[in-house]
Amino acid sequence: EFFDFGTIFFLVAAVVIFFQLRNVLGRRTGNERPPF
């Protein structure tokens, strides 16, 4: 009762975007080349 439809929609969108960025950018392993 505390969440309306708009709030649920934005939460789902945020989760989707997070996983897409993780797949594109990858995760740090400690072996990355330093920035130019």
PDB file of all heavy atoms in Angstrom:
ATOM      1  N   GLU A   1       0.824  -1.193   0.000  1.00  0.00           N
ATOM      2  CA  GLU A   1       0.000   0.000   0.000  1.00  0.00           C
ATOM      3  C   GLU A   1       0.872   1.262   0.000  1.00  0.00           C
ATOM      4  O   GLU A   1       0.379   2.357  -0.213  1.00  0.00           O
ATOM      5  CB  GLU A   1      -0.907  -0.006   1.233  1.00  0.00           C
ATOM      6  CG  GLU A   1      -0.115  -0.048   2.544  1.00  0.00           C
ATOM      7  CD  GLU A   1      -1.035  -0.193   3.734  1.00  0.00           C
ATOM      8  OE1 GLU A   1      -2.232  -0.371   3.512  1.00  0.00           O
ATOM      9  OE2 GLU A   1      -0.524  -0.124   4.867  1.00  0.00           O
ATOM     10  N   PHE A   2       2.176   1.085   0.334  1.00  0.00           N
ATOM     11  CA  PHE A   2       3.063   2.260   0.355  1.00  0.00           C
ATOM     12  C   PHE A   2       3.659   2.574  -1.014  1.00  0.00           C
ATOM     13  O   PHE A   2       4.323   3.572  -1.185  1.00  0.00           O
ATOM     14  CB  PHE A   2       4.223   2.023   1.354  1.00  0.00           C
ATOM     15  CG  PHE A   2       3.741   1.843   2.770  1.00  0.00           C
ATOM     16  CD1 PHE A   2       3.670   0.562   3.308  1.00  0.00           C
ATOM     17  CD2 PHE A   2       3.330   2.931   3.517  1.00  0.00           C
ATOM     18  CE1 PHE A   2       3.235   0.399   4.607  1.00  0.00           C
ATOM     19  CE2 PHE A   2       2.896   2.761   4.806  1.00  0.00           C
ATOM     20  CZ  PHE A   2       2.831   1.492   5.364  1.00  0.00           C
ATOM     21  N   PHE A   3       3.553   1.684  -1.966  1.00  0.00           N
ATOM     22  CA  PHE A   3       4.124   1.890  -3.311  1.00  0.00           C
ATOM     23  C   PHE A   3       3.004   2.026  -4.326  1.00  0.00           C
ATOM     24  O   PHE A   3       2.084   1.204  -4.358  1.00  0.00           O
ATOM     25  CB  PHE A   3       5.011   0.698  -3.711  1.00  0.00           C
ATOM     26  CG  PHE A   3       6.204   0.528  -2.793  1.00  0.00           C
ATOM     27  CD1 PHE A   3       6.137  -0.347  -1.715  1.00  0.00           C
ATOM     28  CD2 PHE A   3       7.357   1.257  -3.036  1.00  0.00           C
ATOM     29  CE1 PHE A   3       7.224  -0.504  -0.876  1.00  0.00           C
ATOM     30  CE2 PHE A   3       8.450   1.082  -2.204  1.00  0.00           C
ATOM     31  CZ  PHE A   3       8.384   0.216  -1.118  1.00  0.00           C
ATOM     32  N   ASP A   4       3.038   2.997  -5.124  1.00  0.00           N
ATOM     33  CA  ASP A   4       2.078   3.104  -6.231  1.00  0.00           C
ATOM     34  C   ASP A   4       2.711   2.512  -7.474  1.00  0.00           C
ATOM     35  O   ASP A   4       3.868   2.087  -7.474  1.00  0.00           O
ATOM     36  CB  ASP A   4       1.653   4.557  -6.441  1.00  0.00           C
ATOM     37  CG  ASP A   4       2.841   5.472  -6.694  1.00  0.00           C
ATOM     38  OD1 ASP A   4       3.932   4.949  -7.047  1.00  0.00           O
ATOM     39  OD2 ASP A   4       2.710   6.691  -6.534  1.00  0.00           O
ATOM     40  N   PHE A   5       2.010   2.492  -8.546  1.00  0.00           N
ATOM     41  CA  PHE A   5       2.491   1.874  -9.786  1.00  0.00           C
ATOM     42  C   PHE A   5       3.725   2.582 -10.323  1.00  0.00           C
ATOM     43  O   PHE A   5       4.662   1.960 -10.814  1.00  0.00           O
ATOM     44  CB  PHE A   5       1.359   1.889 -10.827  1.00  0.00           C
ATOM     45  CG  PHE A   5       1.783   1.345 -12.159  1.00  0.00           C
ATOM     46  CD1 PHE A   5       1.915  -0.026 -12.365  1.00  0.00           C
ATOM     47  CD2 PHE A   5       2.109   2.209 -13.208  1.00  0.00           C
ATOM     48  CE1 PHE A   5       2.315  -0.514 -13.601  1.00  0.00           C
ATOM     49  CE2 PHE A   5       2.509   1.718 -14.427  1.00  0.00           C
ATOM     50  CZ  PHE A   5       2.602   0.349 -14.634  1.00  0.00           C
ATOM     51  N   GLY A   6       3.776   3.908 -10.245  1.00  0.00           N
ATOM     52  CA  GLY A   6       4.914   4.670 -10.780  1.00  0.00           C
ATOM     53  C   GLY A   6       6.199   4.336 -10.047  1.00  0.00           C
ATOM     54  O   GLY A   6       7.262   4.180 -10.650  1.00  0.00           O
ATOM     55  N   THR A   7       6.147   4.180  -8.735  1.00  0.00           N
ATOM     56  CA  THR A   7       7.352   3.858  -7.950  1.00  0.00           C
ATOM     57  C   THR A   7       7.903   2.502  -8.345  1.00  0.00           C
ATOM     58  O   THR A   7       9.109   2.313  -8.520  1.00  0.00           O
ATOM     59  CB  THR A   7       7.021   3.870  -6.456  1.00  0.00           C
ATOM     60  OG1 THR A   7       6.516   5.161  -6.102  1.00  0.00           O
ATOM     61  CG2 THR A   7       8.280   3.583  -5.634  1.00  0.00           C
ATOM     62  N   ILE A   8       6.972   1.493  -8.467  1.00  0.00           N
ATOM     63  CA  ILE A   8       7.397   0.138  -8.857  1.00  0.00           C
ATOM     64  C   ILE A   8       8.033   0.153 -10.236  1.00  0.00           C
ATOM     65  O   ILE A   8       9.058  -0.499 -10.488  1.00  0.00           O
ATOM     66  CB  ILE A   8       6.191  -0.823  -8.824  1.00  0.00           C
ATOM     67  CG1 ILE A   8       5.692  -0.949  -7.375  1.00  0.00           C
ATOM     68  CG2 ILE A   8       6.573  -2.186  -9.384  1.00  0.00           C
ATOM     69  CD1 ILE A   8       4.408  -1.759  -7.252  1.00  0.00           C
ATOM     70  N   PHE A   9       7.509   0.964 -11.142  1.00  0.00           N
ATOM     71  CA  PHE A   9       8.030   1.022 -12.509  1.00  0.00           C
ATOM     72  C   PHE A   9       9.477   1.527 -12.508  1.00  0.00           C
ATOM     73  O   PHE A   9      10.350   0.963 -13.161  1.00  0.00           O
ATOM     74  CB  PHE A   9       7.150   1.941 -13.357  1.00  0.00           C
ATOM     75  CG  PHE A   9       7.695   2.171 -14.749  1.00  0.00           C
ATOM     76  CD1 PHE A   9       7.537   1.221 -15.754  1.00  0.00           C
ATOM     77  CD2 PHE A   9       8.401   3.343 -15.037  1.00  0.00           C
ATOM     78  CE1 PHE A   9       8.064   1.445 -17.020  1.00  0.00           C
ATOM     79  CE2 PHE A   9       8.907   3.556 -16.295  1.00  0.00           C
ATOM     80  CZ  PHE A   9       8.740   2.606 -17.294  1.00  0.00           C
ATOM     81  N   PHE A  10       9.742   2.586 -11.740  1.00  0.00           N
ATOM     82  CA  PHE A  10      11.098   3.150 -11.713  1.00  0.00           C
ATOM     83  C   PHE A  10      12.099   2.220 -11.036  1.00  0.00           C
ATOM     84  O   PHE A  10      13.266   2.155 -11.402  1.00  0.00           O
ATOM     85  CB  PHE A  10      11.086   4.516 -11.007  1.00  0.00           C
ATOM     86  CG  PHE A  10      10.522   5.626 -11.859  1.00  0.00           C
ATOM     87  CD1 PHE A  10       9.334   6.245 -11.512  1.00  0.00           C
ATOM     88  CD2 PHE A  10      11.158   6.031 -13.028  1.00  0.00           C
ATOM     89  CE1 PHE A  10       8.798   7.252 -12.304  1.00  0.00           C
ATOM     90  CE2 PHE A  10      10.628   7.042 -13.820  1.00  0.00           C
ATOM     91  CZ  PHE A  10       9.440   7.660 -13.468  1.00  0.00           C
ATOM     92  N   LEU A  11      11.674   1.448 -10.032  1.00  0.00           N
ATOM     93  CA  LEU A  11      12.569   0.498  -9.381  1.00  0.00           C
ATOM     94  C   LEU A  11      12.989  -0.601 -10.342  1.00  0.00           C
ATOM     95  O   LEU A  11      14.150  -1.000 -10.412  1.00  0.00           O
ATOM     96  CB  LEU A  11      11.892  -0.118  -8.156  1.00  0.00           C
ATOM     97  CG  LEU A  11      11.774   0.793  -6.923  1.00  0.00           C
ATOM     98  CD1 LEU A  11      10.947   0.103  -5.845  1.00  0.00           C
ATOM     99  CD2 LEU A  11      13.163   1.117  -6.386  1.00  0.00           C
ATOM    100  N   VAL A  12      11.991  -1.107 -11.084  1.00  0.00           N
ATOM    101  CA  VAL A  12      12.291  -2.157 -12.069  1.00  0.00           C
ATOM    102  C   VAL A  12      13.230  -1.622 -13.147  1.00  0.00           C
ATOM    103  O   VAL A  12      14.191  -2.274 -13.562  1.00  0.00           O
ATOM    104  CB  VAL A  12      10.992  -2.688 -12.698  1.00  0.00           C
ATOM    105  CG1 VAL A  12      11.313  -3.649 -13.849  1.00  0.00           C
ATOM    106  CG2 VAL A  12      10.133  -3.372 -11.659  1.00  0.00           C
ATOM    107  N   ALA A  13      13.008  -0.403 -13.606  1.00  0.00           N
ATOM    108  CA  ALA A  13      13.857   0.194 -14.644  1.00  0.00           C
ATOM    109  C   ALA A  13      15.277   0.364 -14.147  1.00  0.00           C
ATOM    110  O   ALA A  13      16.250   0.122 -14.865  1.00  0.00           O
ATOM    111  CB  ALA A  13      13.276   1.550 -15.082  1.00  0.00           C
ATOM    112  N   ALA A  14      15.443   0.769 -12.892  1.00  0.00           N
ATOM    113  CA  ALA A  14      16.771   0.963 -12.325  1.00  0.00           C
ATOM    114  C   ALA A  14      17.548  -0.335 -12.247  1.00  0.00           C
ATOM    115  O   ALA A  14      18.749  -0.388 -12.532  1.00  0.00           O
ATOM    116  CB  ALA A  14      16.651   1.586 -10.923  1.00  0.00           C
ATOM    117  N   VAL A  15      16.864  -1.427 -11.842  1.00  0.00           N
ATOM    118  CA  VAL A  15      17.519  -2.732 -11.762  1.00  0.00           C
ATOM    119  C   VAL A  15      17.977  -3.188 -13.135  1.00  0.00           C
ATOM    120  O   VAL A  15      19.085  -3.705 -13.325  1.00  0.00           O
ATOM    121  CB  VAL A  15      16.578  -3.774 -11.127  1.00  0.00           C
ATOM    122  CG1 VAL A  15      17.193  -5.173 -11.220  1.00  0.00           C
ATOM    123  CG2 VAL A  15      16.290  -3.429  -9.682  1.00  0.00           C
ATOM    124  N   VAL A  16      17.147  -2.988 -14.143  1.00  0.00           N
ATOM    125  CA  VAL A  16      17.483  -3.397 -15.515  1.00  0.00           C
ATOM    126  C   VAL A  16      18.705  -2.622 -16.019  1.00  0.00           C
ATOM    127  O   VAL A  16      19.629  -3.176 -16.606  1.00  0.00           O
ATOM    128  CB  VAL A  16      16.273  -3.192 -16.445  1.00  0.00           C
ATOM    129  CG1 VAL A  16      16.693  -3.429 -17.903  1.00  0.00           C
ATOM    130  CG2 VAL A  16      15.134  -4.113 -16.048  1.00  0.00           C
ATOM    131  N   ILE A  17      18.686  -1.330 -15.788  1.00  0.00           N
ATOM    132  CA  ILE A  17      19.807  -0.502 -16.249  1.00  0.00           C
ATOM    133  C   ILE A  17      21.097  -0.904 -15.564  1.00  0.00           C
ATOM    134  O   ILE A  17      22.176  -0.963 -16.156  1.00  0.00           O
ATOM    135  CB  ILE A  17      19.493   0.985 -15.988  1.00  0.00           C
ATOM    136  CG1 ILE A  17      18.337   1.443 -16.888  1.00  0.00           C
ATOM    137  CG2 ILE A  17      20.728   1.856 -16.229  1.00  0.00           C
ATOM    138  CD1 ILE A  17      17.829   2.836 -16.586  1.00  0.00           C
ATOM    139  N   PHE A  18      21.070  -1.212 -14.258  1.00  0.00           N
ATOM    140  CA  PHE A  18      22.253  -1.619 -13.499  1.00  0.00           C
ATOM    141  C   PHE A  18      22.896  -2.860 -14.106  1.00  0.00           C
ATOM    142  O   PHE A  18      24.105  -2.908 -14.322  1.00  0.00           O
ATOM    143  CB  PHE A  18      21.855  -1.885 -12.042  1.00  0.00           C
ATOM    144  CG  PHE A  18      22.964  -2.521 -11.248  1.00  0.00           C
ATOM    145  CD1 PHE A  18      24.057  -1.782 -10.805  1.00  0.00           C
ATOM    146  CD2 PHE A  18      22.934  -3.879 -10.954  1.00  0.00           C
ATOM    147  CE1 PHE A  18      25.068  -2.378 -10.077  1.00  0.00           C
ATOM    148  CE2 PHE A  18      23.954  -4.471 -10.237  1.00  0.00           C
ATOM    149  CZ  PHE A  18      25.017  -3.713  -9.802  1.00  0.00           C
ATOM    150  N   PHE A  19      22.053  -3.883 -14.396  1.00  0.00           N
ATOM    151  CA  PHE A  19      22.616  -5.114 -14.967  1.00  0.00           C
ATOM    152  C   PHE A  19      23.161  -4.898 -16.367  1.00  0.00           C
ATOM    153  O   PHE A  19      24.158  -5.502 -16.768  1.00  0.00           O
ATOM    154  CB  PHE A  19      21.546  -6.212 -14.977  1.00  0.00           C
ATOM    155  CG  PHE A  19      21.377  -6.883 -13.631  1.00  0.00           C
ATOM    156  CD1 PHE A  19      20.303  -6.580 -12.812  1.00  0.00           C
ATOM    157  CD2 PHE A  19      22.325  -7.795 -13.179  1.00  0.00           C
ATOM    158  CE1 PHE A  19      20.157  -7.183 -11.574  1.00  0.00           C
ATOM    159  CE2 PHE A  19      22.184  -8.401 -11.942  1.00  0.00           C
ATOM    160  CZ  PHE A  19      21.090  -8.093 -11.127  1.00  0.00           C
ATOM    161  N   GLN A  20      22.539  -4.007 -17.155  1.00  0.00           N
ATOM    162  CA  GLN A  20      23.049  -3.733 -18.506  1.00  0.00           C
ATOM    163  C   GLN A  20      24.416  -3.045 -18.440  1.00  0.00           C
ATOM    164  O   GLN A  20      25.327  -3.382 -19.191  1.00  0.00           O
ATOM    165  CB  GLN A  20      22.047  -2.851 -19.262  1.00  0.00           C
ATOM    166  CG  GLN A  20      20.774  -3.593 -19.678  1.00  0.00           C
ATOM    167  CD  GLN A  20      19.796  -2.681 -20.402  1.00  0.00           C
ATOM    168  OE1 GLN A  20      19.876  -1.468 -20.293  1.00  0.00           O
ATOM    169  NE2 GLN A  20      18.876  -3.288 -21.150  1.00  0.00           N
ATOM    170  N   LEU A  21      24.556  -2.071 -17.533  1.00  0.00           N
ATOM    171  CA  LEU A  21      25.849  -1.392 -17.388  1.00  0.00           C
ATOM    172  C   LEU A  21      26.936  -2.338 -16.912  1.00  0.00           C
ATOM    173  O   LEU A  21      28.084  -2.275 -17.343  1.00  0.00           O
ATOM    174  CB  LEU A  21      25.713  -0.230 -16.390  1.00  0.00           C
ATOM    175  CG  LEU A  21      24.934   0.994 -16.877  1.00  0.00           C
ATOM    176  CD1 LEU A  21      24.763   1.993 -15.747  1.00  0.00           C
ATOM    177  CD2 LEU A  21      25.628   1.644 -18.057  1.00  0.00           C
ATOM    178  N   ARG A  22      26.584  -3.245 -16.036  1.00  0.00           N
ATOM    179  CA  ARG A  22      27.559  -4.207 -15.521  1.00  0.00           C
ATOM    180  C   ARG A  22      28.056  -5.115 -16.630  1.00  0.00           C
ATOM    181  O   ARG A  22      29.243  -5.445 -16.705  1.00  0.00           O
ATOM    182  CB  ARG A  22      26.918  -5.024 -14.408  1.00  0.00           C
ATOM    183  CG  ARG A  22      27.921  -5.919 -13.678  1.00  0.00           C
ATOM    184  CD  ARG A  22      27.241  -6.693 -12.596  1.00  0.00           C
ATOM    185  NE  ARG A  22      28.231  -7.464 -11.840  1.00  0.00           N
ATOM    186  CZ  ARG A  22      27.908  -8.381 -10.940  1.00  0.00           C
ATOM    187  NH1 ARG A  22      26.633  -8.643 -10.691  1.00  0.00           N
ATOM    188  NH2 ARG A  22      28.849  -9.031 -10.281  1.00  0.00           N
ATOM    189  N   ASN A  23      27.142  -5.520 -17.514  1.00  0.00           N
ATOM    190  CA  ASN A  23      27.530  -6.400 -18.632  1.00  0.00           C
ATOM    191  C   ASN A  23      28.413  -5.667 -19.632  1.00  0.00           C
ATOM    192  O   ASN A  23      29.295  -6.246 -20.246  1.00  0.00           O
ATOM    193  CB  ASN A  23      26.286  -6.945 -19.329  1.00  0.00           C
ATOM    194  CG  ASN A  23      25.530  -7.930 -18.444  1.00  0.00           C
ATOM    195  OD1 ASN A  23      26.131  -8.586 -17.593  1.00  0.00           O
ATOM    196  ND2 ASN A  23      24.220  -8.011 -18.632  1.00  0.00           N
ATOM    197  N   VAL A  24      28.114  -4.341 -19.827  1.00  0.00           N
ATOM    198  CA  VAL A  24      28.877  -3.586 -20.816  1.00  0.00           C
ATOM    199  C   VAL A  24      30.253  -3.180 -20.282  1.00  0.00           C
ATOM    200  O   VAL A  24      31.271  -3.335 -20.928  1.00  0.00           O
ATOM    201  CB  VAL A  24      28.086  -2.316 -21.234  1.00  0.00           C
ATOM    202  CG1 VAL A  24      28.958  -1.424 -22.128  1.00  0.00           C
ATOM    203  CG2 VAL A  24      26.827  -2.711 -21.959  1.00  0.00           C
ATOM    204  N   LEU A  25      30.288  -2.654 -19.034  1.00  0.00           N
ATOM    205  CA  LEU A  25      31.537  -2.142 -18.468  1.00  0.00           C
ATOM    206  C   LEU A  25      32.374  -3.205 -17.797  1.00  0.00           C
ATOM    207  O   LEU A  25      33.573  -3.052 -17.624  1.00  0.00           O
ATOM    208  CB  LEU A  25      31.215  -1.032 -17.464  1.00  0.00           C
ATOM    209  CG  LEU A  25      30.463   0.175 -18.038  1.00  0.00           C
ATOM    210  CD1 LEU A  25      30.176   1.182 -16.925  1.00  0.00           C
ATOM    211  CD2 LEU A  25      31.263   0.823 -19.143  1.00  0.00           C
ATOM    212  N   GLY A  26      31.763  -4.293 -17.360  1.00  0.00           N
ATOM    213  CA  GLY A  26      32.496  -5.348 -16.678  1.00  0.00           C
ATOM    214  C   GLY A  26      32.780  -4.983 -15.241  1.00  0.00           C
ATOM    215  O   GLY A  26      32.376  -3.927 -14.747  1.00  0.00           O
ATOM    216  N   ARG A  27      33.504  -5.847 -14.563  1.00  0.00           N
ATOM    217  CA  ARG A  27      33.860  -5.640 -13.168  1.00  0.00           C
ATOM    218  C   ARG A  27      35.371  -5.492 -13.020  1.00  0.00           C
ATOM    219  O   ARG A  27      36.132  -6.026 -13.804  1.00  0.00           O
ATOM    220  CB  ARG A  27      33.378  -6.841 -12.336  1.00  0.00           C
ATOM    221  CG  ARG A  27      31.866  -6.926 -12.239  1.00  0.00           C
ATOM    222  CD  ARG A  27      31.461  -8.229 -11.580  1.00  0.00           C
ATOM    223  NE  ARG A  27      31.830  -9.379 -12.431  1.00  0.00           N
ATOM    224  CZ  ARG A  27      31.601 -10.645 -12.092  1.00  0.00           C
ATOM    225  NH1 ARG A  27      31.062 -10.932 -10.934  1.00  0.00           N
ATOM    226  NH2 ARG A  27      31.939 -11.624 -12.916  1.00  0.00           N
ATOM    227  N   ARG A  28      35.819  -4.736 -11.993  1.00  0.00           N
ATOM    228  CA  ARG A  28      37.254  -4.549 -11.751  1.00  0.00           C
ATOM    229  C   ARG A  28      37.863  -5.825 -11.188  1.00  0.00           C
ATOM    230  O   ARG A  28      37.290  -6.444 -10.299  1.00  0.00           O
ATOM    231  CB  ARG A  28      37.485  -3.399 -10.762  1.00  0.00           C
ATOM    232  CG  ARG A  28      37.209  -2.043 -11.382  1.00  0.00           C
ATOM    233  CD  ARG A  28      37.662  -0.936 -10.451  1.00  0.00           C
ATOM    234  NE  ARG A  28      37.550   0.363 -11.094  1.00  0.00           N
ATOM    235  CZ  ARG A  28      38.466   0.901 -11.887  1.00  0.00           C
ATOM    236  NH1 ARG A  28      39.582   0.227 -12.118  1.00  0.00           N
ATOM    237  NH2 ARG A  28      38.309   2.076 -12.427  1.00  0.00           N
ATOM    238  N   THR A  29      38.998  -6.203 -11.740  1.00  0.00           N
ATOM    239  CA  THR A  29      39.688  -7.405 -11.264  1.00  0.00           C
ATOM    240  C   THR A  29      41.034  -7.064 -10.623  1.00  0.00           C
ATOM    241  O   THR A  29      41.719  -7.926 -10.105  1.00  0.00           O
ATOM    242  CB  THR A  29      39.941  -8.369 -12.453  1.00  0.00           C
ATOM    243  OG1 THR A  29      40.827  -7.743 -13.359  1.00  0.00           O
ATOM    244  CG2 THR A  29      38.637  -8.724 -13.140  1.00  0.00           C
ATOM    245  N   GLY A  30      41.436  -5.771 -10.764  1.00  0.00           N
ATOM    246  CA  GLY A  30      42.750  -5.374 -10.243  1.00  0.00           C
ATOM    247  C   GLY A  30      43.814  -5.418 -11.307  1.00  0.00           C
ATOM    248  O   GLY A  30      44.949  -5.019 -11.081  1.00  0.00           O
ATOM    249  N   ASN A  31      43.505  -5.895 -12.514  1.00  0.00           N
ATOM    250  CA  ASN A  31      44.476  -5.999 -13.612  1.00  0.00           C
ATOM    251  C   ASN A  31      44.196  -5.003 -14.727  1.00  0.00           C
ATOM    252  O   ASN A  31      44.754  -5.105 -15.808  1.00  0.00           O
ATOM    253  CB  ASN A  31      44.468  -7.421 -14.195  1.00  0.00           C
ATOM    254  CG  ASN A  31      44.905  -8.452 -13.169  1.00  0.00           C
ATOM    255  OD1 ASN A  31      45.841  -8.210 -12.412  1.00  0.00           O
ATOM    256  ND2 ASN A  31      44.212  -9.573 -13.132  1.00  0.00           N
ATOM    257  N   GLU A  32      43.309  -4.043 -14.472  1.00  0.00           N
ATOM    258  CA  GLU A  32      42.956  -3.104 -15.530  1.00  0.00           C
ATOM    259  C   GLU A  32      44.109  -2.154 -15.825  1.00  0.00           C
ATOM    260  O   GLU A  32      44.913  -1.829 -14.941  1.00  0.00           O
ATOM    261  CB  GLU A  32      41.723  -2.267 -15.106  1.00  0.00           C
ATOM    262  CG  GLU A  32      40.451  -3.077 -14.980  1.00  0.00           C
ATOM    263  CD  GLU A  32      40.371  -3.790 -13.642  1.00  0.00           C
ATOM    264  OE1 GLU A  32      41.248  -3.555 -12.789  1.00  0.00           O
ATOM    265  OE2 GLU A  32      39.452  -4.595 -13.461  1.00  0.00           O
ATOM    266  N   ARG A  33      44.207  -1.664 -17.063  1.00  0.00           N
ATOM    267  CA  ARG A  33      45.200  -0.671 -17.431  1.00  0.00           C
ATOM    268  C   ARG A  33      44.767   0.670 -16.854  1.00  0.00           C
ATOM    269  O   ARG A  33      43.585   0.991 -16.823  1.00  0.00           O
ATOM    270  CB  ARG A  33      45.327  -0.573 -18.956  1.00  0.00           C
ATOM    271  CG  ARG A  33      45.842  -1.845 -19.595  1.00  0.00           C
ATOM    272  CD  ARG A  33      45.883  -1.705 -21.095  1.00  0.00           C
ATOM    273  NE  ARG A  33      46.825  -0.635 -21.496  1.00  0.00           N
ATOM    274  CZ  ARG A  33      46.992  -0.267 -22.758  1.00  0.00           C
ATOM    275  NH1 ARG A  33      46.300  -0.832 -23.714  1.00  0.00           N
ATOM    276  NH2 ARG A  33      47.844   0.678 -23.056  1.00  0.00           N
ATOM    277  N   PRO A  34      45.699   1.488 -16.386  1.00  0.00           N
ATOM    278  CA  PRO A  34      45.323   2.785 -15.822  1.00  0.00           C
ATOM    279  C   PRO A  34      44.761   3.689 -16.914  1.00  0.00           C
ATOM    280  O   PRO A  34      45.042   3.501 -18.100  1.00  0.00           O
ATOM    281  CB  PRO A  34      46.666   3.323 -15.292  1.00  0.00           C
ATOM    282  CG  PRO A  34      47.697   2.632 -16.103  1.00  0.00           C
ATOM    283  CD  PRO A  34      47.144   1.262 -16.378  1.00  0.00           C
ATOM    284  N   PRO A  35      43.972   4.685 -16.530  1.00  0.00           N
ATOM    285  CA  PRO A  35      43.408   5.600 -17.526  1.00  0.00           C
ATOM    286  C   PRO A  35      44.496   6.401 -18.200  1.00  0.00           C
ATOM    287  O   PRO A  35      45.559   6.658 -17.626  1.00  0.00           O
ATOM    288  CB  PRO A  35      42.495   6.505 -16.680  1.00  0.00           C
ATOM    289  CG  PRO A  35      43.047   6.416 -15.300  1.00  0.00           C
ATOM    290  CD  PRO A  35      43.555   5.002 -15.172  1.00  0.00           C
ATOM    291  N   PHE A  36      44.280   6.829 -19.431  1.00  0.00           N
ATOM    292  CA  PHE A  36      45.269   7.569 -20.216  1.00  0.00           C
ATOM    293  C   PHE A  36      45.489   8.949 -19.617  1.00  0.00           C
ATOM    294  O   PHE A  36      44.546   9.697 -19.358  1.00  0.00           O
ATOM    295  CB  PHE A  36      44.783   7.710 -21.663  1.00  0.00           C
ATOM    296  CG  PHE A  36      45.703   8.536 -22.525  1.00  0.00           C
ATOM    297  CD1 PHE A  36      46.902   8.020 -22.976  1.00  0.00           C
ATOM    298  CD2 PHE A  36      45.362   9.835 -22.874  1.00  0.00           C
ATOM    299  CE1 PHE A  36      47.739   8.775 -23.760  1.00  0.00           C
ATOM    300  CE2 PHE A  36      46.200  10.595 -23.656  1.00  0.00           C
ATOM    301  CZ  PHE A  36      47.383  10.054 -24.103  1.00  0.00           C
TER     302      PHE A  36
END
